[in-house]
Each structure stands twice: as C-alpha cells, then as structure tokens.
Amino acid sequence: MLVEAGPEQALTWRTGHMRGDGRLPDLFFPADRSWLVSALWDDTWTDVGGSAALLAGLRRNPLVKARPVQSDEDLIRE
C-alpha cells in the first residue's frame, strides 16, 4: 500500500523498528520521484536510487557507508 503523506505525518506511523528508534516508512520518495529510499523491515541495509550526483554525494560521506550495487549483485556483501 502506498500512502501520500508529509514528513511530519510519516514520522508518527510506527515505533519499534528493527533499526532502532527509526520511524520512517519502508519506502519513501518525493512527488516528482527524483529519488527513492527503500529500507524494508527485514533488511539491514537501505537502498537509495537517484541521480548520479546524489549517489556520488552519498558515497563521499563517510557516515553513510554507501557503495554502488548492480542489479545482479549480492547486497549483503561486506
């Protein structure tokens, strides 16, 4: 199910996520669909899709620990 909501509303939907105190939806993106974040409930990783500039910026940030992944690659690789 997809629900349209603003950030304030989305942050109130749930607590007790396996990622700690995170209360974000499993899938979120802006109305223009220029990027996407998927953090499914049973995964320990987060998938981000977006422009090359956005992804390059995430890869440069040491706190994010981002790496590019191909569609046929194992996401859990260390």
C-alpha atoms as a PDB file:
ATOM      1  CA  MET A   1       0.000   0.000   0.000  1.00  0.00           C
ATOM      2  CA  LEU A   2       1.283   3.461  -0.860  1.00  0.00           C
ATOM      3  CA  VAL A   3       0.095   6.442   1.151  1.00  0.00           C
ATOM      4  CA  GLU A   4       0.721  10.082   0.322  1.00  0.00           C
ATOM      5  CA  ALA A   5       1.849  11.998   3.393  1.00  0.00           C
ATOM      6  CA  GLY A   6       4.161  14.737   4.516  1.00  0.00           C
ATOM      7  CA  PRO A   7       7.256  14.115   6.639  1.00  0.00           C
ATOM      8  CA  GLU A   8       5.571  15.081   9.903  1.00  0.00           C
ATOM      9  CA  GLN A   9       2.741  12.607   9.370  1.00  0.00           C
ATOM     10  CA  ALA A  10       5.030   9.804   8.162  1.00  0.00           C
ATOM     11  CA  LEU A  11       7.218  10.084  11.270  1.00  0.00           C
ATOM     12  CA  THR A  12       4.258   9.225  13.529  1.00  0.00           C
ATOM     13  CA  TRP A  13       3.315   5.917  11.904  1.00  0.00           C
ATOM     14  CA  ARG A  14       5.336   3.373  13.818  1.00  0.00           C
ATOM     15  CA  THR A  15       7.863   2.683  16.525  1.00  0.00           C
ATOM     16  CA  GLY A  16       9.938  -0.358  17.456  1.00  0.00           C
ATOM     17  CA  HIS A  17      11.578  -0.833  14.060  1.00  0.00           C
ATOM     18  CA  MET A  18      14.457  -3.338  13.928  1.00  0.00           C
ATOM     19  CA  ARG A  19      16.758  -0.450  13.033  1.00  0.00           C
ATOM     20  CA  GLY A  20      16.256   1.074  16.471  1.00  0.00           C
ATOM     21  CA  ASP A  21      14.179   4.155  17.051  1.00  0.00           C
ATOM     22  CA  GLY A  22      13.649   4.689  13.322  1.00  0.00           C
ATOM     23  CA  ARG A  23      10.068   5.520  12.460  1.00  0.00           C
ATOM     24  CA  LEU A  24      10.361   6.103   8.748  1.00  0.00           C
ATOM     25  CA  PRO A  25       8.253   4.227   6.192  1.00  0.00           C
ATOM     26  CA  ASP A  26       9.819   1.275   4.361  1.00  0.00           C
ATOM     27  CA  LEU A  27       9.666   3.164   1.068  1.00  0.00           C
ATOM     28  CA  PHE A  28       9.617   6.902   0.516  1.00  0.00           C
ATOM     29  CA  PHE A  29      10.141   9.345  -2.331  1.00  0.00           C
ATOM     30  CA  PRO A  30       9.104  12.887  -3.275  1.00  0.00           C
ATOM     31  CA  ALA A  31       6.123  13.610  -5.520  1.00  0.00           C
ATOM     32  CA  ASP A  32       8.420  14.177  -8.502  1.00  0.00           C
ATOM     33  CA  ARG A  33      10.020  10.740  -7.920  1.00  0.00           C
ATOM     34  CA  SER A  34      13.504  12.195  -8.394  1.00  0.00           C
ATOM     35  CA  TRP A  35      14.916   9.858  -5.721  1.00  0.00           C
ATOM     36  CA  LEU A  36      13.826   6.827  -3.717  1.00  0.00           C
ATOM     37  CA  VAL A  37      14.780   5.304  -0.362  1.00  0.00           C
ATOM     38  CA  SER A  38      13.837   1.744   0.495  1.00  0.00           C
ATOM     39  CA  ALA A  39      14.527   0.402   3.991  1.00  0.00           C
ATOM     40  CA  LEU A  40      12.477  -2.768   4.150  1.00  0.00           C
ATOM     41  CA  TRP A  41      11.584  -4.118   7.577  1.00  0.00           C
ATOM     42  CA  ASP A  42      13.532  -7.374   7.251  1.00  0.00           C
ATOM     43  CA  ASP A  43      16.730  -5.977   5.721  1.00  0.00           C
ATOM     44  CA  THR A  44      19.715  -4.468   7.484  1.00  0.00           C
ATOM     45  CA  TRP A  45      20.655  -2.293   4.516  1.00  0.00           C
ATOM     46  CA  THR A  46      18.991   0.673   2.841  1.00  0.00           C
ATOM     47  CA  ASP A  47      18.601   1.061  -0.911  1.00  0.00           C
ATOM     48  CA  VAL A  48      18.818   4.558  -2.417  1.00  0.00           C
ATOM     49  CA  GLY A  49      18.088   5.453  -6.011  1.00  0.00           C
ATOM     50  CA  GLY A  50      18.562   8.840  -7.574  1.00  0.00           C
ATOM     51  CA  SER A  51      20.687  10.977  -9.831  1.00  0.00           C
ATOM     52  CA  ALA A  52      24.379  10.291 -10.332  1.00  0.00           C
ATOM     53  CA  ALA A  53      25.160  13.483  -8.382  1.00  0.00           C
ATOM     54  CA  LEU A  54      23.030  12.395  -5.405  1.00  0.00           C
ATOM     55  CA  LEU A  55      24.605   8.945  -5.289  1.00  0.00           C
ATOM     56  CA  ALA A  56      28.134  10.358  -5.638  1.00  0.00           C
ATOM     57  CA  GLY A  57      27.432  12.662  -2.706  1.00  0.00           C
ATOM     58  CA  LEU A  58      26.291   9.742  -0.571  1.00  0.00           C
ATOM     59  CA  ARG A  59      29.398   7.736  -1.487  1.00  0.00           C
ATOM     60  CA  ARG A  60      31.628  10.657  -0.409  1.00  0.00           C
ATOM     61  CA  ASN A  61      30.003  10.858   3.033  1.00  0.00           C
ATOM     62  CA  PRO A  62      31.889   8.526   5.433  1.00  0.00           C
ATOM     63  CA  LEU A  63      28.906   8.299   7.791  1.00  0.00           C
ATOM     64  CA  VAL A  64      26.679   6.840   5.092  1.00  0.00           C
ATOM     65  CA  LYS A  65      28.942   3.914   4.089  1.00  0.00           C
ATOM     66  CA  ALA A  66      27.399   3.830   0.622  1.00  0.00           C
ATOM     67  CA  ARG A  67      28.544   1.703  -2.270  1.00  0.00           C
ATOM     68  CA  PRO A  68      27.160   1.157  -5.752  1.00  0.00           C
ATOM     69  CA  VAL A  69      25.402  -2.171  -6.358  1.00  0.00           C
ATOM     70  CA  GLN A  70      24.463  -3.765  -9.659  1.00  0.00           C
ATOM     71  CA  SER A  71      21.086  -5.456 -10.108  1.00  0.00           C
ATOM     72  CA  ASP A  72      22.684  -8.932 -10.163  1.00  0.00           C
ATOM     73  CA  GLU A  73      24.944  -8.349  -7.137  1.00  0.00           C
ATOM     74  CA  ASP A  74      24.522  -9.671  -3.589  1.00  0.00           C
ATOM     75  CA  LEU A  75      23.581  -6.662  -1.455  1.00  0.00           C
ATOM     76  CA  ILE A  76      24.878  -8.155   1.794  1.00  0.00           C
ATOM     77  CA  ARG A  77      28.485  -8.377   0.639  1.00  0.00           C
ATOM     78  CA  GLU A  78      30.928  -6.984   3.210  1.00  0.00           C
END
